[in-house]
Amino acid sequence: MFDLDSETIDAELLNSLKVTAEHFRKAMGETNPAALRETVVEVPNVKWEDIGGLETVKTQLKEMILFPIEHPE
Protein backbone atom coordinates (compact mmCIF):
# COMPACT_ATOMS: atom_id res chain seq x y z
CA MET A 1 0.00 0.00 0.00
CA PHE A 2 1.02 3.60 0.36
CA ASP A 3 1.49 6.15 3.10
CA LEU A 4 -1.70 8.21 3.49
CA ASP A 5 0.25 10.94 5.26
CA SER A 6 2.62 11.39 2.35
CA GLU A 7 2.11 14.38 0.08
CA THR A 8 2.90 12.33 -3.03
CA ILE A 9 2.06 8.87 -4.30
CA ASP A 10 4.45 6.91 -6.49
CA ALA A 11 3.18 7.04 -10.10
CA GLU A 12 3.72 3.29 -10.61
CA LEU A 13 1.60 2.49 -7.56
CA LEU A 14 -1.05 5.00 -8.60
CA ASN A 15 -1.25 3.49 -12.09
CA SER A 16 -1.65 0.00 -10.64
CA LEU A 17 -4.76 0.92 -8.63
CA LYS A 18 -8.07 -0.31 -10.06
CA VAL A 19 -11.63 0.26 -8.90
CA THR A 20 -14.03 -2.49 -9.88
CA ALA A 21 -17.78 -2.90 -9.83
CA GLU A 22 -17.30 -5.14 -6.79
CA HIS A 23 -15.71 -2.21 -4.93
CA PHE A 24 -18.81 -0.10 -5.68
CA ARG A 25 -21.21 -2.87 -4.59
CA LYS A 26 -19.34 -3.29 -1.31
CA ALA A 27 -19.25 0.46 -0.69
CA MET A 28 -22.98 0.82 -1.39
CA GLY A 29 -23.70 -1.69 1.34
CA GLU A 30 -21.56 0.18 3.87
CA THR A 31 -22.40 3.83 3.20
CA ASN A 32 -25.33 6.20 2.75
CA PRO A 33 -25.48 8.63 -0.16
CA ALA A 34 -24.60 12.19 0.93
CA ALA A 35 -28.14 13.36 0.21
CA LEU A 36 -29.54 10.78 2.62
CA ARG A 37 -27.09 11.25 5.47
CA GLU A 38 -28.96 14.23 6.88
CA THR A 39 -32.39 12.72 6.34
CA VAL A 40 -31.90 9.33 7.97
CA VAL A 41 -34.61 9.01 10.57
CA GLU A 42 -34.40 6.79 13.59
CA VAL A 43 -37.79 5.70 14.83
CA PRO A 44 -37.67 5.12 18.58
CA ASN A 45 -39.60 2.24 20.07
CA VAL A 46 -41.90 4.44 22.17
CA LYS A 47 -45.59 3.78 22.61
CA TRP A 48 -48.27 6.33 23.53
CA GLU A 49 -48.50 4.69 26.95
CA ASP A 50 -44.81 5.49 27.56
CA ILE A 51 -45.49 9.22 27.34
CA GLY A 52 -46.77 10.57 30.64
CA GLY A 53 -49.36 13.34 30.72
CA LEU A 54 -50.04 15.62 27.75
CA GLU A 55 -53.30 13.81 27.02
CA THR A 56 -54.68 16.71 24.97
CA VAL A 57 -51.54 16.92 22.83
CA LYS A 58 -51.44 13.14 22.32
CA THR A 59 -55.10 13.16 21.25
CA GLN A 60 -54.48 16.00 18.78
CA LEU A 61 -51.47 14.21 17.30
CA LYS A 62 -53.43 10.99 16.93
CA GLU A 63 -56.28 12.82 15.19
CA MET A 64 -54.03 14.84 12.86
CA ILE A 65 -51.44 12.16 12.01
CA LEU A 66 -52.59 8.65 12.81
CA PHE A 67 -56.25 8.90 11.86
CA PRO A 68 -55.61 9.97 8.22
CA ILE A 69 -53.01 7.20 7.82
CA GLU A 70 -55.28 4.52 9.27
CA HIS A 71 -58.39 5.85 7.43
CA PRO A 72 -57.23 7.30 4.08
CA GLU A 73 -60.80 7.47 2.75
PDB file of N, CA and C in Angstrom:
ATOM      1  N   MET A   1       0.841  -1.188   0.000  1.00  0.00           N
ATOM      2  CA  MET A   1       0.000   0.000   0.000  1.00  0.00           C
ATOM      3  C   MET A   1       0.878   1.240   0.000  1.00  0.00           C
ATOM      4  N   PHE A   2       0.272   2.346   0.363  1.00  0.00           N
ATOM      5  CA  PHE A   2       1.019   3.600   0.363  1.00  0.00           C
ATOM      6  C   PHE A   2       0.732   4.378   1.632  1.00  0.00           C
ATOM      7  N   ASP A   3       1.587   5.340   1.895  1.00  0.00           N
ATOM      8  CA  ASP A   3       1.491   6.148   3.100  1.00  0.00           C
ATOM      9  C   ASP A   3       0.458   7.252   2.895  1.00  0.00           C
ATOM     10  N   LEU A   4      -0.637   7.207   3.637  1.00  0.00           N
ATOM     11  CA  LEU A   4      -1.701   8.205   3.488  1.00  0.00           C
ATOM     12  C   LEU A   4      -1.262   9.590   3.945  1.00  0.00           C
ATOM     13  N   ASP A   5      -0.242   9.650   4.774  1.00  0.00           N
ATOM     14  CA  ASP A   5       0.247  10.944   5.264  1.00  0.00           C
ATOM     15  C   ASP A   5       1.230  11.596   4.292  1.00  0.00           C
ATOM     16  N   SER A   6       1.673  10.852   3.311  1.00  0.00           N
ATOM     17  CA  SER A   6       2.622  11.386   2.348  1.00  0.00           C
ATOM     18  C   SER A   6       1.935  12.383   1.420  1.00  0.00           C
ATOM     19  N   GLU A   7       2.683  13.383   0.989  1.00  0.00           N
ATOM     20  CA  GLU A   7       2.105  14.380   0.084  1.00  0.00           C
ATOM     21  C   GLU A   7       2.095  13.892  -1.361  1.00  0.00           C
ATOM     22  N   THR A   8       2.854  12.866  -1.665  1.00  0.00           N
ATOM     23  CA  THR A   8       2.901  12.333  -3.025  1.00  0.00           C
ATOM     24  C   THR A   8       2.685  10.829  -3.001  1.00  0.00           C
ATOM     25  N   ILE A   9       2.234  10.309  -4.135  1.00  0.00           N
ATOM     26  CA  ILE A   9       2.058   8.869  -4.303  1.00  0.00           C
ATOM     27  C   ILE A   9       2.869   8.468  -5.519  1.00  0.00           C
ATOM     28  N   ASP A  10       3.632   7.397  -5.389  1.00  0.00           N
ATOM     29  CA  ASP A  10       4.452   6.912  -6.489  1.00  0.00           C
ATOM     30  C   ASP A  10       3.571   6.654  -7.708  1.00  0.00           C
ATOM     31  N   ALA A  11       3.974   7.149  -8.873  1.00  0.00           N
ATOM     32  CA  ALA A  11       3.185   7.036 -10.100  1.00  0.00           C
ATOM     33  C   ALA A  11       2.924   5.580 -10.465  1.00  0.00           C
ATOM     34  N   GLU A  12       3.905   4.712 -10.279  1.00  0.00           N
ATOM     35  CA  GLU A  12       3.721   3.294 -10.611  1.00  0.00           C
ATOM     36  C   GLU A  12       2.625   2.673  -9.743  1.00  0.00           C
ATOM     37  N   LEU A  13       2.641   2.985  -8.464  1.00  0.00           N
ATOM     38  CA  LEU A  13       1.603   2.489  -7.559  1.00  0.00           C
ATOM     39  C   LEU A  13       0.248   3.073  -7.942  1.00  0.00           C
ATOM     40  N   LEU A  14       0.202   4.349  -8.231  1.00  0.00           N
ATOM     41  CA  LEU A  14      -1.048   4.999  -8.602  1.00  0.00           C
ATOM     42  C   LEU A  14      -1.633   4.382  -9.864  1.00  0.00           C
ATOM     43  N   ASN A  15      -0.787   4.090 -10.841  1.00  0.00           N
ATOM     44  CA  ASN A  15      -1.254   3.486 -12.093  1.00  0.00           C
ATOM     45  C   ASN A  15      -1.716   2.050 -11.912  1.00  0.00           C
ATOM     46  N   SER A  16      -1.264   1.394 -10.862  1.00  0.00           N
ATOM     47  CA  SER A  16      -1.651  -0.001 -10.644  1.00  0.00           C
ATOM     48  C   SER A  16      -2.994  -0.130  -9.908  1.00  0.00           C
ATOM     49  N   LEU A  17      -3.501   0.971  -9.359  1.00  0.00           N
ATOM     50  CA  LEU A  17      -4.765   0.921  -8.631  1.00  0.00           C
ATOM     51  C   LEU A  17      -5.939   0.765  -9.585  1.00  0.00           C
ATOM     52  N   LYS A  18      -6.882  -0.088  -9.234  1.00  0.00           N
ATOM     53  CA  LYS A  18      -8.073  -0.307 -10.057  1.00  0.00           C
ATOM     54  C   LYS A  18      -9.297  -0.338  -9.154  1.00  0.00           C
ATOM     55  N   VAL A  19     -10.352   0.292  -9.607  1.00  0.00           N
ATOM     56  CA  VAL A  19     -11.630   0.261  -8.903  1.00  0.00           C
ATOM     57  C   VAL A  19     -12.581  -0.569  -9.750  1.00  0.00           C
ATOM     58  N   THR A  20     -13.152  -1.586  -9.143  1.00  0.00           N
ATOM     59  CA  THR A  20     -14.027  -2.493  -9.879  1.00  0.00           C
ATOM     60  C   THR A  20     -15.476  -2.312  -9.446  1.00  0.00           C
ATOM     61  N   ALA A  21     -16.363  -2.932 -10.186  1.00  0.00           N
ATOM     62  CA  ALA A  21     -17.781  -2.902  -9.831  1.00  0.00           C
ATOM     63  C   ALA A  21     -17.990  -3.521  -8.451  1.00  0.00           C
ATOM     64  N   GLU A  22     -17.187  -4.508  -8.102  1.00  0.00           N
ATOM     65  CA  GLU A  22     -17.300  -5.142  -6.786  1.00  0.00           C
ATOM     66  C   GLU A  22     -16.983  -4.142  -5.678  1.00  0.00           C
ATOM     67  N   HIS A  23     -16.014  -3.259  -5.906  1.00  0.00           N
ATOM     68  CA  HIS A  23     -15.713  -2.208  -4.930  1.00  0.00           C
ATOM     69  C   HIS A  23     -16.939  -1.321  -4.707  1.00  0.00           C
ATOM     70  N   PHE A  24     -17.625  -0.937  -5.797  1.00  0.00           N
ATOM     71  CA  PHE A  24     -18.813  -0.098  -5.683  1.00  0.00           C
ATOM     72  C   PHE A  24     -19.936  -0.825  -4.939  1.00  0.00           C
ATOM     73  N   ARG A  25     -20.146  -2.109  -5.273  1.00  0.00           N
ATOM     74  CA  ARG A  25     -21.206  -2.871  -4.593  1.00  0.00           C
ATOM     75  C   ARG A  25     -20.937  -2.950  -3.091  1.00  0.00           C
ATOM     76  N   LYS A  26     -19.681  -3.204  -2.733  1.00  0.00           N
ATOM     77  CA  LYS A  26     -19.336  -3.295  -1.313  1.00  0.00           C
ATOM     78  C   LYS A  26     -19.542  -1.944  -0.622  1.00  0.00           C
ATOM     79  N   ALA A  27     -19.110  -0.874  -1.274  1.00  0.00           N
ATOM     80  CA  ALA A  27     -19.248   0.461  -0.689  1.00  0.00           C
ATOM     81  C   ALA A  27     -20.714   0.842  -0.529  1.00  0.00           C
ATOM     82  N   MET A  28     -21.556   0.480  -1.483  1.00  0.00           N
ATOM     83  CA  MET A  28     -22.977   0.820  -1.387  1.00  0.00           C
ATOM     84  C   MET A  28     -23.634   0.158  -0.186  1.00  0.00           C
ATOM     85  N   GLY A  29     -23.151  -1.004   0.193  1.00  0.00           N
ATOM     86  CA  GLY A  29     -23.700  -1.694   1.344  1.00  0.00           C
ATOM     87  C   GLY A  29     -23.209  -1.138   2.675  1.00  0.00           C
ATOM     88  N   GLU A  30     -22.162  -0.328   2.636  1.00  0.00           N
ATOM     89  CA  GLU A  30     -21.564   0.175   3.869  1.00  0.00           C
ATOM     90  C   GLU A  30     -21.742   1.669   4.077  1.00  0.00           C
ATOM     91  N   THR A  31     -22.285   2.373   3.097  1.00  0.00           N
ATOM     92  CA  THR A  31     -22.403   3.826   3.197  1.00  0.00           C
ATOM     93  C   THR A  31     -23.799   4.294   2.829  1.00  0.00           C
ATOM     94  N   ASN A  32     -24.102   5.546   3.173  1.00  0.00           N
ATOM     95  CA  ASN A  32     -25.328   6.201   2.746  1.00  0.00           C
ATOM     96  C   ASN A  32     -24.957   7.309   1.778  1.00  0.00           C
ATOM     97  N   PRO A  33     -25.751   7.507   0.729  1.00  0.00           N
ATOM     98  CA  PRO A  33     -25.479   8.634  -0.157  1.00  0.00           C
ATOM     99  C   PRO A  33     -25.503   9.943   0.632  1.00  0.00           C
ATOM    100  N   ALA A  34     -24.705  10.909   0.221  1.00  0.00           N
ATOM    101  CA  ALA A  34     -24.596  12.186   0.935  1.00  0.00           C
ATOM    102  C   ALA A  34     -25.963  12.840   1.110  1.00  0.00           C
ATOM    103  N   ALA A  35     -26.826  12.727   0.119  1.00  0.00           N
ATOM    104  CA  ALA A  35     -28.139  13.365   0.206  1.00  0.00           C
ATOM    105  C   ALA A  35     -29.005  12.724   1.287  1.00  0.00           C
ATOM    106  N   LEU A  36     -28.727  11.476   1.617  1.00  0.00           N
ATOM    107  CA  LEU A  36     -29.543  10.782   2.618  1.00  0.00           C
ATOM    108  C   LEU A  36     -28.976  10.875   4.024  1.00  0.00           C
ATOM    109  N   ARG A  37     -27.711  11.235   4.154  1.00  0.00           N
ATOM    110  CA  ARG A  37     -27.090  11.254   5.474  1.00  0.00           C
ATOM    111  C   ARG A  37     -27.832  12.148   6.450  1.00  0.00           C
ATOM    112  N   GLU A  38     -28.301  13.289   5.979  1.00  0.00           N
ATOM    113  CA  GLU A  38     -28.955  14.230   6.879  1.00  0.00           C
ATOM    114  C   GLU A  38     -30.433  13.933   7.052  1.00  0.00           C
ATOM    115  N   THR A  39     -30.965  13.000   6.255  1.00  0.00           N
ATOM    116  CA  THR A  39     -32.392  12.720   6.339  1.00  0.00           C
ATOM    117  C   THR A  39     -32.695  11.338   6.907  1.00  0.00           C
ATOM    118  N   VAL A  40     -31.676  10.638   7.365  1.00  0.00           N
ATOM    119  CA  VAL A  40     -31.898   9.331   7.967  1.00  0.00           C
ATOM    120  C   VAL A  40     -32.665   9.543   9.269  1.00  0.00           C
ATOM    121  N   VAL A  41     -33.753   8.840   9.410  1.00  0.00           N
ATOM    122  CA  VAL A  41     -34.609   9.014  10.573  1.00  0.00           C
ATOM    123  C   VAL A  41     -34.584   7.748  11.409  1.00  0.00           C
ATOM    124  N   GLU A  42     -34.315   7.916  12.671  1.00  0.00           N
ATOM    125  CA  GLU A  42     -34.399   6.787  13.587  1.00  0.00           C
ATOM    126  C   GLU A  42     -35.743   6.844  14.278  1.00  0.00           C
ATOM    127  N   VAL A  43     -36.477   5.761  14.212  1.00  0.00           N
ATOM    128  CA  VAL A  43     -37.790   5.697  14.833  1.00  0.00           C
ATOM    129  C   VAL A  43     -37.643   5.004  16.186  1.00  0.00           C
ATOM    130  N   PRO A  44     -37.818   5.750  17.268  1.00  0.00           N
ATOM    131  CA  PRO A  44     -37.674   5.125  18.580  1.00  0.00           C
ATOM    132  C   PRO A  44     -38.828   4.166  18.866  1.00  0.00           C
ATOM    133  N   ASN A  45     -38.576   3.213  19.698  1.00  0.00           N
ATOM    134  CA  ASN A  45     -39.601   2.240  20.071  1.00  0.00           C
ATOM    135  C   ASN A  45     -40.351   2.764  21.299  1.00  0.00           C
ATOM    136  N   VAL A  46     -41.154   3.808  21.091  1.00  0.00           N
ATOM    137  CA  VAL A  46     -41.903   4.438  22.174  1.00  0.00           C
ATOM    138  C   VAL A  46     -43.385   4.338  21.845  1.00  0.00           C
ATOM    139  N   LYS A  47     -44.142   3.894  22.793  1.00  0.00           N
ATOM    140  CA  LYS A  47     -45.592   3.783  22.607  1.00  0.00           C
ATOM    141  C   LYS A  47     -46.277   4.963  23.295  1.00  0.00           C
ATOM    142  N   TRP A  48     -47.523   5.220  22.926  1.00  0.00           N
ATOM    143  CA  TRP A  48     -48.273   6.333  23.530  1.00  0.00           C
ATOM    144  C   TRP A  48     -48.335   6.178  25.048  1.00  0.00           C
ATOM    145  N   GLU A  49     -48.406   4.931  25.516  1.00  0.00           N
ATOM    146  CA  GLU A  49     -48.503   4.685  26.952  1.00  0.00           C
ATOM    147  C   GLU A  49     -47.219   5.079  27.686  1.00  0.00           C
ATOM    148  N   ASP A  50     -46.101   5.128  26.959  1.00  0.00           N
ATOM    149  CA  ASP A  50     -44.813   5.487  27.562  1.00  0.00           C
ATOM    150  C   ASP A  50     -44.695   6.984  27.837  1.00  0.00           C
ATOM    151  N   ILE A  51     -45.553   7.767  27.204  1.00  0.00           N
ATOM    152  CA  ILE A  51     -45.488   9.221  27.339  1.00  0.00           C
ATOM    153  C   ILE A  51     -46.462   9.639  28.440  1.00  0.00           C
ATOM    154  N   GLY A  52     -45.922  10.188  29.509  1.00  0.00           N
ATOM    155  CA  GLY A  52     -46.765  10.573  30.636  1.00  0.00           C
ATOM    156  C   GLY A  52     -47.406  11.935  30.428  1.00  0.00           C
ATOM    157  N   GLY A  53     -48.664  12.055  30.827  1.00  0.00           N
ATOM    158  CA  GLY A  53     -49.357  13.345  30.722  1.00  0.00           C
ATOM    159  C   GLY A  53     -49.625  13.735  29.283  1.00  0.00           C
ATOM    160  N   LEU A  54     -49.829  15.045  29.081  1.00  0.00           N
ATOM    161  CA  LEU A  54     -50.045  15.615  27.751  1.00  0.00           C
ATOM    162  C   LEU A  54     -51.160  14.925  26.971  1.00  0.00           C
ATOM    163  N   GLU A  55     -52.216  14.546  27.667  1.00  0.00           N
ATOM    164  CA  GLU A  55     -53.304  13.809  27.020  1.00  0.00           C
ATOM    165  C   GLU A  55     -53.921  14.588  25.860  1.00  0.00           C
ATOM    166  N   THR A  56     -54.092  15.898  26.031  1.00  0.00           N
ATOM    167  CA  THR A  56     -54.685  16.713  24.966  1.00  0.00           C
ATOM    168  C   THR A  56     -53.781  16.725  23.732  1.00  0.00           C
ATOM    169  N   VAL A  57     -52.496  16.894  23.951  1.00  0.00           N
ATOM    170  CA  VAL A  57     -51.540  16.919  22.833  1.00  0.00           C
ATOM    171  C   VAL A  57     -51.501  15.552  22.148  1.00  0.00           C
ATOM    172  N   LYS A  58     -51.472  14.477  22.908  1.00  0.00           N
ATOM    173  CA  LYS A  58     -51.444  13.141  22.316  1.00  0.00           C
ATOM    174  C   LYS A  58     -52.704  12.897  21.488  1.00  0.00           C
ATOM    175  N   THR A  59     -53.847  13.330  21.986  1.00  0.00           N
ATOM    176  CA  THR A  59     -55.103  13.163  21.249  1.00  0.00           C
ATOM    177  C   THR A  59     -55.053  13.945  19.942  1.00  0.00           C
ATOM    178  N   GLN A  60     -54.580  15.181  19.994  1.00  0.00           N
ATOM    179  CA  GLN A  60     -54.480  16.001  18.779  1.00  0.00           C
ATOM    180  C   GLN A  60     -53.541  15.360  17.757  1.00  0.00           C
ATOM    181  N   LEU A  61     -52.402  14.862  18.209  1.00  0.00           N
ATOM    182  CA  LEU A  61     -51.466  14.210  17.298  1.00  0.00           C
ATOM    183  C   LEU A  61     -52.084  12.974  16.658  1.00  0.00           C
ATOM    184  N   LYS A  62     -52.777  12.185  17.460  1.00  0.00           N
ATOM    185  CA  LYS A  62     -53.430  10.990  16.929  1.00  0.00           C
ATOM    186  C   LYS A  62     -54.458  11.369  15.871  1.00  0.00           C
ATOM    187  N   GLU A  63     -55.238  12.408  16.141  1.00  0.00           N
ATOM    188  CA  GLU A  63     -56.277  12.822  15.195  1.00  0.00           C
ATOM    189  C   GLU A  63     -55.678  13.400  13.909  1.00  0.00           C
ATOM    190  N   MET A  64     -54.605  14.180  14.035  1.00  0.00           N
ATOM    191  CA  MET A  64     -54.027  14.839  12.859  1.00  0.00           C
ATOM    192  C   MET A  64     -53.098  13.935  12.052  1.00  0.00           C
ATOM    193  N   ILE A  65     -52.438  12.976  12.713  1.00  0.00           N
ATOM    194  CA  ILE A  65     -51.443  12.162  12.010  1.00  0.00           C
ATOM    195  C   ILE A  65     -51.901  10.717  11.825  1.00  0.00           C
ATOM    196  N   LEU A  66     -52.256  10.070  12.911  1.00  0.00           N
ATOM    197  CA  LEU A  66     -52.588   8.648  12.815  1.00  0.00           C
ATOM    198  C   LEU A  66     -53.918   8.378  12.118  1.00  0.00           C
ATOM    199  N   PHE A  67     -54.933   9.152  12.424  1.00  0.00           N
ATOM    200  CA  PHE A  67     -56.254   8.898  11.859  1.00  0.00           C
ATOM    201  C   PHE A  67     -56.236   8.932  10.336  1.00  0.00           C
ATOM    202  N   PRO A  68     -55.651   9.964   9.693  1.00  0.00           N
ATOM    203  CA  PRO A  68     -55.614   9.966   8.215  1.00  0.00           C
ATOM    204  C   PRO A  68     -54.820   8.803   7.628  1.00  0.00           C
ATOM    205  N   ILE A  69     -53.787   8.325   8.323  1.00  0.00           N
ATOM    206  CA  ILE A  69     -53.013   7.200   7.823  1.00  0.00           C
ATOM    207  C   ILE A  69     -53.826   5.920   7.922  1.00  0.00           C
ATOM    208  N   GLU A  70     -54.508   5.723   9.051  1.00  0.00           N
ATOM    209  CA  GLU A  70     -55.284   4.518   9.270  1.00  0.00           C
ATOM    210  C   GLU A  70     -56.600   4.520   8.495  1.00  0.00           C
ATOM    211  N   HIS A  71     -57.114   5.711   8.152  1.00  0.00           N
ATOM    212  CA  HIS A  71     -58.389   5.846   7.433  1.00  0.00           C
ATOM    213  C   HIS A  71     -58.218   6.798   6.253  1.00  0.00           C
ATOM    214  N   PRO A  72     -57.517   6.395   5.199  1.00  0.00           N
ATOM    215  CA  PRO A  72     -57.229   7.299   4.077  1.00  0.00           C
ATOM    216  C   PRO A  72     -58.471   7.773   3.321  1.00  0.00           C
ATOM    217  N   GLU A  73     -59.561   7.063   3.454  1.00  0.00           N
ATOM    218  CA  GLU A  73     -60.798   7.467   2.755  1.00  0.00           C
ATOM    219  C   GLU A  73     -61.313   8.762   3.339  1.00  0.00           C
TER     220      GLU A  73
END
